[in-house]
Amino acid sequence: MPERMEGDTPALSEQEGQRSTVPPSQSGLYWFRDKTMSREVLMAVCMKNGELTVKWASQDTAVAKLKGSWRGPLRSSTSPLNE
């Protein structure tokens, strides 16, 4: 997961606030929650060996294997508003 700098917290746009059970289709930061979790966790989705993966239980796991809801990708609060 990328190191977060003070003032660089992810911000949600209206679209980012919508939950979906469809896994991410691009790299970026996403909120994820499965049915066993009481809270969402911030996940860094990245391309590795030709598939989108996240660190899950200390190992690379394909996002397609994770069942739950996703929100994102998030943009940095320091990104221009028109991105």
Protein backbone atom coordinates (compact mmCIF):
# COMPACT_ATOMS: atom_id res chain seq x y z
CA MET A 1 0.00 0.00 0.00
CA PRO A 2 1.41 3.43 -0.86
CA GLU A 3 2.64 5.55 2.02
CA ARG A 4 0.12 8.28 2.77
CA MET A 5 1.30 11.81 3.31
CA GLU A 6 -0.50 14.23 5.59
CA GLY A 7 -3.19 16.04 3.64
CA ASP A 8 -3.21 13.35 0.93
CA THR A 9 -6.30 11.44 2.03
CA PRO A 10 -8.46 9.89 -0.67
CA ALA A 11 -11.56 11.89 -1.54
CA LEU A 12 -14.80 10.40 -2.88
CA SER A 13 -16.65 11.81 -5.85
CA GLU A 14 -20.34 10.93 -6.33
CA GLN A 15 -19.44 8.01 -8.60
CA GLU A 16 -16.79 6.75 -6.17
CA GLY A 17 -19.39 6.68 -3.41
CA GLN A 18 -21.46 4.04 -5.22
CA ARG A 19 -20.81 0.47 -4.08
CA SER A 20 -20.57 -2.28 -6.68
CA THR A 21 -20.02 -6.03 -6.54
CA VAL A 22 -18.17 -5.78 -9.86
CA PRO A 23 -14.40 -6.03 -9.22
CA PRO A 24 -12.17 -3.11 -10.29
CA SER A 25 -11.15 -2.94 -13.96
CA GLN A 26 -8.16 -0.61 -13.45
CA SER A 27 -5.37 0.01 -10.96
CA GLY A 28 -5.95 2.46 -8.13
CA LEU A 29 -7.14 2.80 -4.55
CA TYR A 30 -10.50 1.27 -3.70
CA TRP A 31 -12.61 0.71 -0.60
CA PHE A 32 -13.52 -2.98 -0.20
CA ARG A 33 -15.80 -4.86 2.20
CA ASP A 34 -16.91 -8.47 2.20
CA LYS A 35 -19.87 -9.88 4.10
CA THR A 36 -17.73 -10.85 7.12
CA MET A 37 -16.27 -7.37 7.63
CA SER A 38 -17.84 -4.67 9.78
CA ARG A 39 -15.88 -1.91 8.00
CA GLU A 40 -14.41 -1.19 4.60
CA VAL A 41 -10.66 -1.46 4.07
CA LEU A 42 -8.58 0.62 1.68
CA MET A 43 -7.04 -1.61 -0.99
CA ALA A 44 -4.30 -0.74 -3.49
CA VAL A 45 -5.23 -2.53 -6.72
CA CYS A 46 -2.33 -3.03 -9.12
CA MET A 47 -1.50 -5.04 -12.24
CA LYS A 48 0.75 -8.01 -11.52
CA ASN A 49 1.48 -10.84 -13.95
CA GLY A 50 -1.28 -9.68 -16.27
CA GLU A 51 -4.08 -9.50 -13.69
CA LEU A 52 -5.36 -6.96 -11.18
CA THR A 53 -4.34 -7.95 -7.66
CA VAL A 54 -4.34 -6.71 -4.07
CA LYS A 55 -2.42 -7.74 -0.97
CA TRP A 56 -4.87 -9.93 0.95
CA ALA A 57 -3.76 -11.96 3.97
CA SER A 58 -0.13 -11.04 3.16
CA GLN A 59 -0.22 -12.45 -0.37
CA ASP A 60 -1.12 -11.20 -3.84
CA THR A 61 -4.73 -12.12 -4.62
CA ALA A 62 -6.63 -11.53 -7.86
CA VAL A 63 -9.45 -9.02 -7.32
CA ALA A 64 -11.75 -11.36 -9.29
CA LYS A 65 -11.44 -13.89 -6.43
CA LEU A 66 -12.61 -11.42 -3.75
CA LYS A 67 -16.37 -11.42 -3.20
CA GLY A 68 -17.75 -8.25 -1.71
CA SER A 69 -18.45 -4.62 -2.54
CA TRP A 70 -16.02 -2.11 -4.04
CA ARG A 71 -15.98 1.70 -4.17
CA GLY A 72 -13.55 3.65 -6.30
CA PRO A 73 -11.10 4.22 -7.77
CA LEU A 74 -10.39 7.03 -5.37
CA ARG A 75 -8.65 10.21 -6.36
CA SER A 76 -6.22 12.00 -4.12
CA SER A 77 -7.55 15.06 -2.35
CA THR A 78 -4.69 16.97 -3.98
CA SER A 79 -5.77 15.92 -7.52
CA PRO A 80 -7.35 18.55 -9.76
CA LEU A 81 -11.16 18.49 -9.48
CA ASN A 82 -11.67 17.98 -13.19
CA GLU A 83 -9.83 14.63 -13.36
